[in-house]
């Protein structure tokens, strides 16, 4: 019996693979690799731009906080006045694309008013203070020279165009000088903050009244503390306080020309009031060591005492002491404050 043979055909179906799959996988892998490398590289760029910008700002005298996101920077400064300069410097740093400068709002400070002190003493005049223009300075000096003679006038007035007159008639101070006249002793015409204060010793009530009337042309607010004849202790103290600061050469006990003029005014006050005794007290700012400041304050007070004696004041009417930096009038936190704290005070002894 013949066998029957069955032949089976097995078909193998081959899957067709999409040819783009390997390409996509490769691209994704490459992107992941690049992305992994990009983060530390970006941080490196940010750090580099931050450092370079900080250095550039520091070289320009600007202390600022700096940060970068990519090549875009943010700069924070302490003053509105530094904003424009900080922008220019930061944008000039190589690699910087955009920079934003953050600064506090600018505060407009009103201009300081004019301030003048005129010292009239036995026929001599010293002009100090600050006015707004050259015309006011020359006009005041010319009037003083006309009334007292050019050889008797010391003009130390300065000009600052930023000062505000604010309705004050500086030129009207000249008639006040004329009203006081050459017989006034240690007279002070003090224009501060829109008020004129008159101190000193005059020969009569008539002179006192004329000086006040003239001062009212300068400003409507006048404090007339002029003494007629010998003054009381509290009046003398007012006269001494009204005098300008006694100035010395820098870091020295040597009087400047201005300081000598003020001490001469003190001499006139004491001669006009022979029963008055005073203590001369020296003070410094906090610059330097405490020991050095103490020594300097004592030396300056002693210089003033010796000068007063040389000008005819009896030694038994005077004492001197120094307090160094221990008694500041204001917190010693700025150059202006330090100038206030450097002083010699005259204290009437009751």
C-alpha atoms as a PDB file:
ATOM      1  CA  UNK A   1       0.000   0.000   0.000  1.00  0.00           C
ATOM      2  CA  UNK A   2       1.506   3.087  -1.068  1.00  0.00           C
ATOM      3  CA  UNK A   3       1.958   5.695   1.666  1.00  0.00           C
ATOM      4  CA  UNK A   4       0.628   9.144   1.305  1.00  0.00           C
ATOM      5  CA  UNK A   5       3.164  11.980   1.892  1.00  0.00           C
ATOM      6  CA  UNK A   6       1.878  15.368   3.109  1.00  0.00           C
ATOM      7  CA  UNK A   7       4.119  18.351   2.573  1.00  0.00           C
ATOM      8  CA  UNK A   8       3.573  21.337   4.891  1.00  0.00           C
ATOM      9  CA  UNK A   9       4.777  24.685   3.862  1.00  0.00           C
ATOM     10  CA  UNK A  10       5.694  26.943   6.819  1.00  0.00           C
ATOM     11  CA  UNK A  11       5.583  30.598   6.031  1.00  0.00           C
ATOM     12  CA  UNK A  12       7.682  32.937   8.058  1.00  0.00           C
ATOM     13  CA  UNK A  13       6.311  36.455   7.940  1.00  0.00           C
ATOM     14  CA  UNK A  14       9.034  39.003   8.279  1.00  0.00           C
ATOM     15  CA  UNK A  15       8.109  42.158  10.089  1.00  0.00           C
ATOM     16  CA  UNK A  16       8.863  45.295   8.310  1.00  0.00           C
ATOM     17  CA  UNK A  17      10.773  47.732  10.503  1.00  0.00           C
ATOM     18  CA  UNK A  18      10.079  51.483  10.022  1.00  0.00           C
ATOM     19  CA  UNK A  19      13.392  52.950   8.764  1.00  0.00           C
ATOM     20  CA  UNK A  20      12.829  56.250  10.669  1.00  0.00           C
ATOM     21  CA  UNK A  21      12.767  54.708  14.143  1.00  0.00           C
ATOM     22  CA  UNK A  22      16.546  54.468  14.559  1.00  0.00           C
ATOM     23  CA  UNK A  23      16.886  58.059  13.413  1.00  0.00           C
ATOM     24  CA  UNK A  24      14.366  59.343  15.960  1.00  0.00           C
ATOM     25  CA  UNK A  25      15.977  57.403  18.756  1.00  0.00           C
ATOM     26  CA  UNK A  26      19.359  58.826  17.786  1.00  0.00           C
ATOM     27  CA  UNK A  27      18.087  62.377  17.736  1.00  0.00           C
ATOM     28  CA  UNK A  28      16.407  62.048  21.135  1.00  0.00           C
ATOM     29  CA  UNK A  29      19.552  60.597  22.601  1.00  0.00           C
ATOM     30  CA  UNK A  30      21.677  63.383  21.190  1.00  0.00           C
ATOM     31  CA  UNK A  31      19.264  66.013  22.520  1.00  0.00           C
ATOM     32  CA  UNK A  32      19.411  64.476  25.967  1.00  0.00           C
ATOM     33  CA  UNK A  33      23.184  64.475  25.822  1.00  0.00           C
ATOM     34  CA  UNK A  34      23.347  68.099  24.680  1.00  0.00           C
ATOM     35  CA  UNK A  35      20.750  69.132  27.262  1.00  0.00           C
ATOM     36  CA  UNK A  36      22.772  67.507  29.982  1.00  0.00           C
ATOM     37  CA  UNK A  37      25.825  69.439  28.899  1.00  0.00           C
ATOM     38  CA  UNK A  38      23.979  72.768  28.436  1.00  0.00           C
ATOM     39  CA  UNK A  39      22.969  73.284  32.089  1.00  0.00           C
ATOM     40  CA  UNK A  40      26.481  73.398  33.577  1.00  0.00           C
ATOM     41  CA  UNK A  41      27.696  75.451  30.599  1.00  0.00           C
ATOM     42  CA  UNK A  42      24.951  78.033  31.128  1.00  0.00           C
ATOM     43  CA  UNK A  43      25.799  78.259  34.816  1.00  0.00           C
ATOM     44  CA  UNK A  44      29.416  78.801  33.898  1.00  0.00           C
ATOM     45  CA  UNK A  45      28.457  81.687  31.572  1.00  0.00           C
ATOM     46  CA  UNK A  46      26.218  83.243  34.233  1.00  0.00           C
ATOM     47  CA  UNK A  47      28.930  83.074  36.865  1.00  0.00           C
ATOM     48  CA  UNK A  48      31.478  84.496  34.451  1.00  0.00           C
ATOM     49  CA  UNK A  49      29.255  87.456  33.477  1.00  0.00           C
ATOM     50  CA  UNK A  50      28.376  88.100  37.117  1.00  0.00           C
ATOM     51  CA  UNK A  51      32.037  88.253  38.123  1.00  0.00           C
ATOM     52  CA  UNK A  52      33.071  90.438  35.182  1.00  0.00           C
ATOM     53  CA  UNK A  53      30.181  92.852  35.751  1.00  0.00           C
ATOM     54  CA  UNK A  54      30.931  93.154  39.458  1.00  0.00           C
ATOM     55  CA  UNK A  55      34.562  93.958  38.721  1.00  0.00           C
ATOM     56  CA  UNK A  56      33.629  96.549  36.089  1.00  0.00           C
ATOM     57  CA  UNK A  57      31.182  98.235  38.463  1.00  0.00           C
ATOM     58  CA  UNK A  58      33.679  98.184  41.319  1.00  0.00           C
ATOM     59  CA  UNK A  59      36.299  99.812  39.095  1.00  0.00           C
ATOM     60  CA  UNK A  60      33.723 102.523  38.368  1.00  0.00           C
ATOM     61  CA  UNK A  61      33.230 103.093  42.100  1.00  0.00           C
ATOM     62  CA  UNK A  62      29.833 101.381  42.261  1.00  0.00           C
ATOM     63  CA  UNK A  63      29.016  98.737  44.868  1.00  0.00           C
ATOM     64  CA  UNK A  64      26.152  96.605  43.549  1.00  0.00           C
ATOM     65  CA  UNK A  65      24.407  93.231  43.763  1.00  0.00           C
ATOM     66  CA  UNK A  66      24.655  91.421  40.397  1.00  0.00           C
ATOM     67  CA  UNK A  67      22.939  88.308  39.076  1.00  0.00           C
ATOM     68  CA  UNK A  68      22.490  86.752  35.614  1.00  0.00           C
ATOM     69  CA  UNK A  69      19.993  84.438  33.962  1.00  0.00           C
ATOM     70  CA  UNK A  70      21.727  83.354  30.820  1.00  0.00           C
ATOM     71  CA  UNK A  71      23.195  86.533  29.392  1.00  0.00           C
ATOM     72  CA  UNK A  72      20.498  88.788  30.899  1.00  0.00           C
ATOM     73  CA  UNK A  73      21.636  90.600  34.031  1.00  0.00           C
ATOM     74  CA  UNK A  74      19.993  92.305  37.016  1.00  0.00           C
ATOM     75  CA  UNK A  75      21.991  94.943  38.902  1.00  0.00           C
ATOM     76  CA  UNK A  76      20.862  96.487  42.196  1.00  0.00           C
ATOM     77  CA  UNK A  77      22.502  99.753  43.321  1.00  0.00           C
ATOM     78  CA  UNK A  78      22.073 101.792  46.515  1.00  0.00           C
ATOM     79  CA  UNK A  79      21.543 105.205  44.959  1.00  0.00           C
ATOM     80  CA  UNK A  80      19.405 106.587  42.145  1.00  0.00           C
ATOM     81  CA  UNK A  81      22.391 108.740  41.154  1.00  0.00           C
ATOM     82  CA  UNK A  82      24.318 105.554  40.258  1.00  0.00           C
ATOM     83  CA  UNK A  83      21.647 104.065  38.013  1.00  0.00           C
ATOM     84  CA  UNK A  84      22.670 105.530  34.657  1.00  0.00           C
ATOM     85  CA  UNK A  85      26.369 104.892  35.211  1.00  0.00           C
ATOM     86  CA  UNK A  86      25.669 101.320  36.310  1.00  0.00           C
ATOM     87  CA  UNK A  87      23.672 100.709  33.126  1.00  0.00           C
ATOM     88  CA  UNK A  88      26.476 102.028  30.914  1.00  0.00           C
ATOM     89  CA  UNK A  89      29.163 100.002  32.680  1.00  0.00           C
ATOM     90  CA  UNK A  90      27.167  96.755  32.775  1.00  0.00           C
ATOM     91  CA  UNK A  91      26.176  96.909  29.118  1.00  0.00           C
ATOM     92  CA  UNK A  92      29.806  97.430  28.215  1.00  0.00           C
ATOM     93  CA  UNK A  93      30.793  94.043  29.617  1.00  0.00           C
ATOM     94  CA  UNK A  94      31.477  91.561  26.818  1.00  0.00           C
ATOM     95  CA  UNK A  95      28.802  88.894  26.512  1.00  0.00           C
ATOM     96  CA  UNK A  96      26.036  90.823  28.262  1.00  0.00           C
ATOM     97  CA  UNK A  97      22.832  90.909  26.210  1.00  0.00           C
ATOM     98  CA  UNK A  98      20.339  92.748  28.430  1.00  0.00           C
ATOM     99  CA  UNK A  99      20.782  94.421  31.804  1.00  0.00           C
ATOM    100  CA  UNK A 100      18.179  95.787  34.174  1.00  0.00           C
ATOM    101  CA  UNK A 101      19.359  98.196  36.875  1.00  0.00           C
ATOM    102  CA  UNK A 102      17.236  98.521  39.998  1.00  0.00           C
ATOM    103  CA  UNK A 103      17.712 101.639  42.172  1.00  0.00           C
ATOM    104  CA  UNK A 104      15.707 103.354  44.931  1.00  0.00           C
ATOM    105  CA  UNK A 105      13.645 106.357  43.800  1.00  0.00           C
ATOM    106  CA  UNK A 106      15.538 109.633  43.694  1.00  0.00           C
ATOM    107  CA  UNK A 107      14.672 111.949  46.562  1.00  0.00           C
ATOM    108  CA  UNK A 108      14.699 115.604  45.669  1.00  0.00           C
ATOM    109  CA  UNK A 109      16.414 117.568  48.436  1.00  0.00           C
ATOM    110  CA  UNK A 110      15.327 121.206  48.659  1.00  0.00           C
ATOM    111  CA  UNK A 111      18.183 123.696  48.308  1.00  0.00           C
ATOM    112  CA  UNK A 112      19.745 125.010  51.498  1.00  0.00           C
ATOM    113  CA  UNK A 113      18.942 128.628  52.294  1.00  0.00           C
ATOM    114  CA  UNK A 114      21.586 131.330  52.261  1.00  0.00           C
ATOM    115  CA  UNK A 115      23.313 131.785  55.613  1.00  0.00           C
ATOM    116  CA  UNK A 116      25.452 134.774  56.586  1.00  0.00           C
ATOM    117  CA  UNK A 117      27.156 136.001  59.746  1.00  0.00           C
ATOM    118  CA  UNK A 118      28.485 139.526  60.059  1.00  0.00           C
ATOM    119  CA  UNK A 119      30.780 140.279  62.993  1.00  0.00           C
ATOM    120  CA  UNK A 120      31.106 143.937  63.968  1.00  0.00           C
ATOM    121  CA  UNK A 121      33.678 144.733  66.604  1.00  0.00           C
ATOM    122  CA  UNK A 122      35.193 148.108  67.464  1.00  0.00           C
ATOM    123  CA  UNK A 123      35.299 149.357  63.899  1.00  0.00           C
ATOM    124  CA  UNK A 124      36.188 146.037  62.204  1.00  0.00           C
ATOM    125  CA  UNK A 125      33.911 143.704  60.265  1.00  0.00           C
ATOM    126  CA  UNK A 126      34.250 140.008  59.410  1.00  0.00           C
ATOM    127  CA  UNK A 127      31.882 138.563  56.809  1.00  0.00           C
ATOM    128  CA  UNK A 128      31.280 134.798  56.796  1.00  0.00           C
ATOM    129  CA  UNK A 129      28.677 132.436  55.375  1.00  0.00           C
ATOM    130  CA  UNK A 130      27.339 131.402  51.968  1.00  0.00           C
ATOM    131  CA  UNK A 131      25.240 133.366  49.459  1.00  0.00           C
ATOM    132  CA  UNK A 132      23.672 132.392  46.134  1.00  0.00           C
ATOM    133  CA  UNK A 133      25.624 134.563  43.678  1.00  0.00           C
ATOM    134  CA  UNK A 134      28.645 136.806  43.185  1.00  0.00           C
ATOM    135  CA  UNK A 135      26.492 139.939  43.104  1.00  0.00           C
ATOM    136  CA  UNK A 136      25.266 139.344  46.668  1.00  0.00           C
ATOM    137  CA  UNK A 137      28.811 138.652  47.877  1.00  0.00           C
ATOM    138  CA  UNK A 138      30.372 141.729  46.270  1.00  0.00           C
ATOM    139  CA  UNK A 139      27.460 143.978  47.221  1.00  0.00           C
ATOM    140  CA  UNK A 140      27.737 143.021  50.876  1.00  0.00           C
ATOM    141  CA  UNK A 141      31.516 143.424  50.923  1.00  0.00           C
ATOM    142  CA  UNK A 142      31.371 146.804  49.155  1.00  0.00           C
ATOM    143  CA  UNK A 143      28.786 148.114  51.627  1.00  0.00           C
ATOM    144  CA  UNK A 144      30.902 146.989  54.582  1.00  0.00           C
ATOM    145  CA  UNK A 145      34.008 148.651  53.124  1.00  0.00           C
ATOM    146  CA  UNK A 146      32.083 151.879  52.569  1.00  0.00           C
ATOM    147  CA  UNK A 147      30.851 151.956  56.158  1.00  0.00           C
ATOM    148  CA  UNK A 148      34.017 150.756  57.926  1.00  0.00           C
ATOM    149  CA  UNK A 149      36.883 151.222  55.428  1.00  0.00           C
ATOM    150  CA  UNK A 150      38.339 148.522  53.198  1.00  0.00           C
ATOM    151  CA  UNK A 151      41.250 147.912  55.577  1.00  0.00           C
ATOM    152  CA  UNK A 152      38.785 147.016  58.343  1.00  0.00           C
ATOM    153  CA  UNK A 153      36.819 144.373  56.430  1.00  0.00           C
ATOM    154  CA  UNK A 154      37.643 140.657  56.219  1.00  0.00           C
ATOM    155  CA  UNK A 155      35.473 139.001  53.557  1.00  0.00           C
ATOM    156  CA  UNK A 156      35.183 135.208  53.895  1.00  0.00           C
ATOM    157  CA  UNK A 157      31.764 134.806  52.280  1.00  0.00           C
ATOM    158  CA  UNK A 158      31.521 131.937  49.775  1.00  0.00           C
ATOM    159  CA  UNK A 159      29.194 131.536  46.778  1.00  0.00           C
ATOM    160  CA  UNK A 160      26.999 128.502  46.106  1.00  0.00           C
ATOM    161  CA  UNK A 161      24.584 128.808  43.188  1.00  0.00           C
ATOM    162  CA  UNK A 162      22.477 125.992  44.661  1.00  0.00           C
ATOM    163  CA  UNK A 163      21.585 128.073  47.712  1.00  0.00           C
ATOM    164  CA  UNK A 164      18.087 129.543  47.890  1.00  0.00           C
ATOM    165  CA  UNK A 165      17.407 133.128  48.933  1.00  0.00           C
ATOM    166  CA  UNK A 166      13.716 132.271  49.398  1.00  0.00           C
ATOM    167  CA  UNK A 167      12.571 135.866  49.794  1.00  0.00           C
ATOM    168  CA  UNK A 168      15.509 136.922  51.960  1.00  0.00           C
ATOM    169  CA  UNK A 169      17.120 140.210  50.890  1.00  0.00           C
ATOM    170  CA  UNK A 170      20.816 139.639  51.483  1.00  0.00           C
ATOM    171  CA  UNK A 171      21.677 143.121  50.196  1.00  0.00           C
ATOM    172  CA  UNK A 172      19.609 144.624  53.025  1.00  0.00           C
ATOM    173  CA  UNK A 173      22.169 143.372  55.538  1.00  0.00           C
ATOM    174  CA  UNK A 174      24.388 146.320  54.620  1.00  0.00           C
ATOM    175  CA  UNK A 175      22.174 148.927  56.360  1.00  0.00           C
ATOM    176  CA  UNK A 176      22.205 146.742  59.479  1.00  0.00           C
ATOM    177  CA  UNK A 177      25.987 147.086  59.591  1.00  0.00           C
ATOM    178  CA  UNK A 178      25.709 150.837  59.179  1.00  0.00           C
ATOM    179  CA  UNK A 179      23.115 151.025  61.968  1.00  0.00           C
ATOM    180  CA  UNK A 180      25.347 149.148  64.398  1.00  0.00           C
ATOM    181  CA  UNK A 181      28.257 151.469  63.645  1.00  0.00           C
ATOM    182  CA  UNK A 182      31.881 151.424  64.694  1.00  0.00           C
ATOM    183  CA  UNK A 183      31.238 151.605  68.437  1.00  0.00           C
ATOM    184  CA  UNK A 184      29.480 148.250  68.646  1.00  0.00           C
ATOM    185  CA  UNK A 185      31.412 145.584  70.510  1.00  0.00           C
ATOM    186  CA  UNK A 186      31.226 141.953  69.448  1.00  0.00           C
ATOM    187  CA  UNK A 187      28.100 142.593  67.412  1.00  0.00           C
ATOM    188  CA  UNK A 188      26.821 139.648  65.380  1.00  0.00           C
ATOM    189  CA  UNK A 189      24.229 139.818  62.616  1.00  0.00           C
ATOM    190  CA  UNK A 190      23.300 136.174  62.089  1.00  0.00           C
ATOM    191  CA  UNK A 191      21.075 135.261  59.124  1.00  0.00           C
ATOM    192  CA  UNK A 192      20.030 131.625  59.451  1.00  0.00           C
ATOM    193  CA  UNK A 193      16.920 129.871  58.181  1.00  0.00           C
ATOM    194  CA  UNK A 194      15.097 133.087  57.301  1.00  0.00           C
ATOM    195  CA  UNK A 195      15.680 134.667  60.718  1.00  0.00           C
ATOM    196  CA  UNK A 196      18.057 137.499  61.608  1.00  0.00           C
ATOM    197  CA  UNK A 197      19.455 137.386  65.143  1.00  0.00           C
ATOM    198  CA  UNK A 198      21.240 140.437  66.529  1.00  0.00           C
ATOM    199  CA  UNK A 199      23.651 140.049  69.448  1.00  0.00           C
ATOM    200  CA  UNK A 200      26.424 142.165  70.895  1.00  0.00           C
ATOM    201  CA  UNK A 201      26.809 145.314  72.970  1.00  0.00           C
ATOM    202  CA  UNK A 202      25.739 148.705  71.635  1.00  0.00           C
ATOM    203  CA  UNK A 203      26.120 152.185  73.048  1.00  0.00           C
ATOM    204  CA  UNK A 204      22.433 153.121  73.287  1.00  0.00           C
ATOM    205  CA  UNK A 205      18.837 151.992  72.933  1.00  0.00           C
ATOM    206  CA  UNK A 206      18.625 154.127  69.795  1.00  0.00           C
ATOM    207  CA  UNK A 207      21.336 152.065  68.088  1.00  0.00           C
ATOM    208  CA  UNK A 208      19.583 148.873  69.144  1.00  0.00           C
ATOM    209  CA  UNK A 209      16.260 150.023  67.677  1.00  0.00           C
ATOM    210  CA  UNK A 210      17.814 151.246  64.415  1.00  0.00           C
ATOM    211  CA  UNK A 211      19.604 147.943  63.909  1.00  0.00           C
ATOM    212  CA  UNK A 212      16.364 146.003  64.405  1.00  0.00           C
ATOM    213  CA  UNK A 213      14.450 148.262  62.001  1.00  0.00           C
ATOM    214  CA  UNK A 214      17.121 147.748  59.332  1.00  0.00           C
ATOM    215  CA  UNK A 215      17.134 143.983  59.923  1.00  0.00           C
ATOM    216  CA  UNK A 216      13.401 143.773  59.202  1.00  0.00           C
ATOM    217  CA  UNK A 217      14.157 144.715  55.612  1.00  0.00           C
ATOM    218  CA  UNK A 218      16.188 141.525  55.302  1.00  0.00           C
ATOM    219  CA  UNK A 219      13.430 139.236  56.553  1.00  0.00           C
ATOM    220  CA  UNK A 220      10.335 139.668  58.626  1.00  0.00           C
ATOM    221  CA  UNK A 221      11.644 137.577  61.518  1.00  0.00           C
ATOM    222  CA  UNK A 222      14.172 139.364  63.758  1.00  0.00           C
ATOM    223  CA  UNK A 223      15.455 138.416  67.200  1.00  0.00           C
ATOM    224  CA  UNK A 224      16.990 141.480  68.793  1.00  0.00           C
ATOM    225  CA  UNK A 225      19.238 140.387  71.650  1.00  0.00           C
ATOM    226  CA  UNK A 226      21.556 143.393  71.573  1.00  0.00           C
ATOM    227  CA  UNK A 227      22.650 144.562  74.996  1.00  0.00           C
ATOM    228  CA  UNK A 228      22.922 148.265  75.876  1.00  0.00           C
ATOM    229  CA  UNK A 229      26.016 148.970  77.974  1.00  0.00           C
ATOM    230  CA  UNK A 230      27.321 146.067  80.066  1.00  0.00           C
ATOM    231  CA  UNK A 231      25.307 142.923  79.468  1.00  0.00           C
ATOM    232  CA  UNK A 232      23.970 140.393  81.955  1.00  0.00           C
ATOM    233  CA  UNK A 233      25.612 136.968  82.177  1.00  0.00           C
ATOM    234  CA  UNK A 234      22.918 135.282  80.083  1.00  0.00           C
ATOM    235  CA  UNK A 235      23.207 138.008  77.435  1.00  0.00           C
ATOM    236  CA  UNK A 236      26.964 137.523  77.251  1.00  0.00           C
ATOM    237  CA  UNK A 237      26.450 133.788  76.882  1.00  0.00           C
ATOM    238  CA  UNK A 238      24.070 134.461  73.969  1.00  0.00           C
ATOM    239  CA  UNK A 239      26.691 136.683  72.334  1.00  0.00           C
ATOM    240  CA  UNK A 240      29.378 134.013  72.689  1.00  0.00           C
ATOM    241  CA  UNK A 241      27.177 131.236  71.297  1.00  0.00           C
ATOM    242  CA  UNK A 242      26.298 133.397  68.276  1.00  0.00           C
ATOM    243  CA  UNK A 243      29.941 133.690  67.211  1.00  0.00           C
ATOM    244  CA  UNK A 244      31.160 131.489  64.335  1.00  0.00           C
ATOM    245  CA  UNK A 245      33.173 128.349  65.059  1.00  0.00           C
ATOM    246  CA  UNK A 246      36.790 129.014  66.008  1.00  0.00           C
ATOM    247  CA  UNK A 247      38.840 127.426  63.229  1.00  0.00           C
ATOM    248  CA  UNK A 248      42.314 125.861  63.481  1.00  0.00           C
ATOM    249  CA  UNK A 249      44.822 124.571  60.994  1.00  0.00           C
ATOM    250  CA  UNK A 250      44.155 120.919  60.118  1.00  0.00           C
ATOM    251  CA  UNK A 251      45.089 118.570  62.969  1.00  0.00           C
ATOM    252  CA  UNK A 252      46.764 121.479  64.763  1.00  0.00           C
ATOM    253  CA  UNK A 253      46.256 123.937  67.616  1.00  0.00           C
ATOM    254  CA  UNK A 254      47.261 126.883  65.400  1.00  0.00           C
ATOM    255  CA  UNK A 255      44.462 129.366  64.769  1.00  0.00           C
ATOM    256  CA  UNK A 256      43.522 130.226  61.197  1.00  0.00           C
ATOM    257  CA  UNK A 257      42.936 133.845  60.214  1.00  0.00           C
ATOM    258  CA  UNK A 258      39.228 133.278  60.704  1.00  0.00           C
ATOM    259  CA  UNK A 259      39.864 131.717  64.113  1.00  0.00           C
ATOM    260  CA  UNK A 260      41.951 134.722  65.165  1.00  0.00           C
ATOM    261  CA  UNK A 261      39.119 137.057  64.142  1.00  0.00           C
ATOM    262  CA  UNK A 262      36.593 135.124  66.240  1.00  0.00           C
ATOM    263  CA  UNK A 263      38.873 135.107  69.286  1.00  0.00           C
ATOM    264  CA  UNK A 264      39.293 138.864  68.845  1.00  0.00           C
ATOM    265  CA  UNK A 265      35.496 139.140  69.069  1.00  0.00           C
ATOM    266  CA  UNK A 266      35.559 137.178  72.305  1.00  0.00           C
ATOM    267  CA  UNK A 267      38.145 139.640  73.613  1.00  0.00           C
ATOM    268  CA  UNK A 268      35.813 142.547  72.813  1.00  0.00           C
ATOM    269  CA  UNK A 269      32.900 140.872  74.571  1.00  0.00           C
ATOM    270  CA  UNK A 270      34.979 140.321  77.689  1.00  0.00           C
ATOM    271  CA  UNK A 271      36.373 143.853  77.663  1.00  0.00           C
ATOM    272  CA  UNK A 272      32.859 145.251  77.370  1.00  0.00           C
ATOM    273  CA  UNK A 273      31.788 143.077  80.323  1.00  0.00           C
ATOM    274  CA  UNK A 274      34.692 143.127  82.805  1.00  0.00           C
ATOM    275  CA  UNK A 275      32.858 141.171  85.501  1.00  0.00           C
ATOM    276  CA  UNK A 276      32.356 138.113  83.277  1.00  0.00           C
ATOM    277  CA  UNK A 277      34.508 134.998  83.677  1.00  0.00           C
ATOM    278  CA  UNK A 278      34.483 132.171  81.147  1.00  0.00           C
ATOM    279  CA  UNK A 279      35.594 128.585  80.709  1.00  0.00           C
ATOM    280  CA  UNK A 280      37.104 127.682  77.330  1.00  0.00           C
ATOM    281  CA  UNK A 281      36.223 124.120  76.340  1.00  0.00           C
ATOM    282  CA  UNK A 282      37.825 122.251  73.422  1.00  0.00           C
ATOM    283  CA  UNK A 283      36.150 119.394  71.535  1.00  0.00           C
ATOM    284  CA  UNK A 284      37.154 117.198  68.572  1.00  0.00           C
ATOM    285  CA  UNK A 285      35.448 114.713  66.279  1.00  0.00           C
ATOM    286  CA  UNK A 286      36.138 110.971  66.530  1.00  0.00           C
ATOM    287  CA  UNK A 287      38.784 110.811  63.784  1.00  0.00           C
ATOM    288  CA  UNK A 288      42.029 109.388  65.175  1.00  0.00           C
ATOM    289  CA  UNK A 289      42.705 107.844  68.551  1.00  0.00           C
ATOM    290  CA  UNK A 290      40.891 108.868  71.704  1.00  0.00           C
ATOM    291  CA  UNK A 291      44.165 109.837  73.408  1.00  0.00           C
ATOM    292  CA  UNK A 292      45.288 112.001  70.495  1.00  0.00           C
ATOM    293  CA  UNK A 293      41.927 113.762  70.333  1.00  0.00           C
ATOM    294  CA  UNK A 294      42.035 114.474  74.057  1.00  0.00           C
ATOM    295  CA  UNK A 295      45.471 116.066  73.744  1.00  0.00           C
ATOM    296  CA  UNK A 296      44.423 118.096  70.697  1.00  0.00           C
ATOM    297  CA  UNK A 297      41.280 119.434  72.391  1.00  0.00           C
ATOM    298  CA  UNK A 298      43.300 120.551  75.427  1.00  0.00           C
ATOM    299  CA  UNK A 299      45.905 122.245  73.224  1.00  0.00           C
ATOM    300  CA  UNK A 300      43.284 124.120  71.208  1.00  0.00           C
ATOM    301  CA  UNK A 301      41.480 125.371  74.302  1.00  0.00           C
ATOM    302  CA  UNK A 302      44.815 126.491  75.749  1.00  0.00           C
ATOM    303  CA  UNK A 303      45.713 128.329  72.535  1.00  0.00           C
ATOM    304  CA  UNK A 304      42.497 130.339  72.764  1.00  0.00           C
ATOM    305  CA  UNK A 305      43.154 131.119  76.447  1.00  0.00           C
ATOM    306  CA  UNK A 306      46.700 132.284  75.723  1.00  0.00           C
ATOM    307  CA  UNK A 307      45.482 134.430  72.825  1.00  0.00           C
ATOM    308  CA  UNK A 308      42.862 136.119  75.002  1.00  0.00           C
ATOM    309  CA  UNK A 309      45.488 136.882  77.651  1.00  0.00           C
ATOM    310  CA  UNK A 310      47.801 138.305  74.975  1.00  0.00           C
ATOM    311  CA  UNK A 311      44.939 140.565  73.878  1.00  0.00           C
ATOM    312  CA  UNK A 312      44.490 142.015  77.353  1.00  0.00           C
ATOM    313  CA  UNK A 313      42.103 139.715  79.229  1.00  0.00           C
ATOM    314  CA  UNK A 314      43.147 138.959  82.821  1.00  0.00           C
ATOM    315  CA  UNK A 315      44.195 135.350  83.324  1.00  0.00           C
ATOM    316  CA  UNK A 316      42.056 134.977  86.460  1.00  0.00           C
ATOM    317  CA  UNK A 317      38.932 135.446  84.306  1.00  0.00           C
ATOM    318  CA  UNK A 318      39.768 132.419  82.160  1.00  0.00           C
ATOM    319  CA  UNK A 319      40.038 128.650  82.499  1.00  0.00           C
ATOM    320  CA  UNK A 320      40.474 126.018  79.792  1.00  0.00           C
ATOM    321  CA  UNK A 321      39.858 122.310  79.488  1.00  0.00           C
ATOM    322  CA  UNK A 322      39.597 119.687  76.748  1.00  0.00           C
ATOM    323  CA  UNK A 323      37.034 116.942  76.310  1.00  0.00           C
ATOM    324  CA  UNK A 324      38.400 115.234  73.194  1.00  0.00           C
ATOM    325  CA  UNK A 325      35.718 113.293  71.333  1.00  0.00           C
ATOM    326  CA  UNK A 326      33.672 112.488  74.455  1.00  0.00           C
ATOM    327  CA  UNK A 327      30.958 115.165  74.043  1.00  0.00           C
ATOM    328  CA  UNK A 328      29.767 115.316  70.409  1.00  0.00           C
ATOM    329  CA  UNK A 329      26.945 117.759  69.666  1.00  0.00           C
ATOM    330  CA  UNK A 330      25.556 115.455  66.954  1.00  0.00           C
ATOM    331  CA  UNK A 331      26.178 111.805  65.997  1.00  0.00           C
ATOM    332  CA  UNK A 332      29.661 111.662  64.430  1.00  0.00           C
ATOM    333  CA  UNK A 333      28.524 109.897  61.251  1.00  0.00           C
ATOM    334  CA  UNK A 334      29.417 112.263  58.390  1.00  0.00           C
ATOM    335  CA  UNK A 335      31.898 114.967  57.406  1.00  0.00           C
ATOM    336  CA  UNK A 336      29.274 117.645  58.097  1.00  0.00           C
ATOM    337  CA  UNK A 337      28.594 116.208  61.557  1.00  0.00           C
ATOM    338  CA  UNK A 338      32.308 116.031  62.329  1.00  0.00           C
ATOM    339  CA  UNK A 339      32.689 119.704  61.400  1.00  0.00           C
ATOM    340  CA  UNK A 340      30.002 120.558  63.962  1.00  0.00           C
ATOM    341  CA  UNK A 341      31.687 118.460  66.649  1.00  0.00           C
ATOM    342  CA  UNK A 342      35.088 120.118  66.130  1.00  0.00           C
ATOM    343  CA  UNK A 343      34.598 123.227  68.210  1.00  0.00           C
ATOM    344  CA  UNK A 344      35.639 125.488  71.050  1.00  0.00           C
ATOM    345  CA  UNK A 345      32.860 126.555  73.400  1.00  0.00           C
ATOM    346  CA  UNK A 346      32.860 129.577  75.710  1.00  0.00           C
ATOM    347  CA  UNK A 347      30.885 128.997  78.904  1.00  0.00           C
ATOM    348  CA  UNK A 348      30.054 131.930  81.165  1.00  0.00           C
ATOM    349  CA  UNK A 349      30.801 131.144  84.805  1.00  0.00           C
ATOM    350  CA  UNK A 350      28.113 132.371  87.190  1.00  0.00           C
END
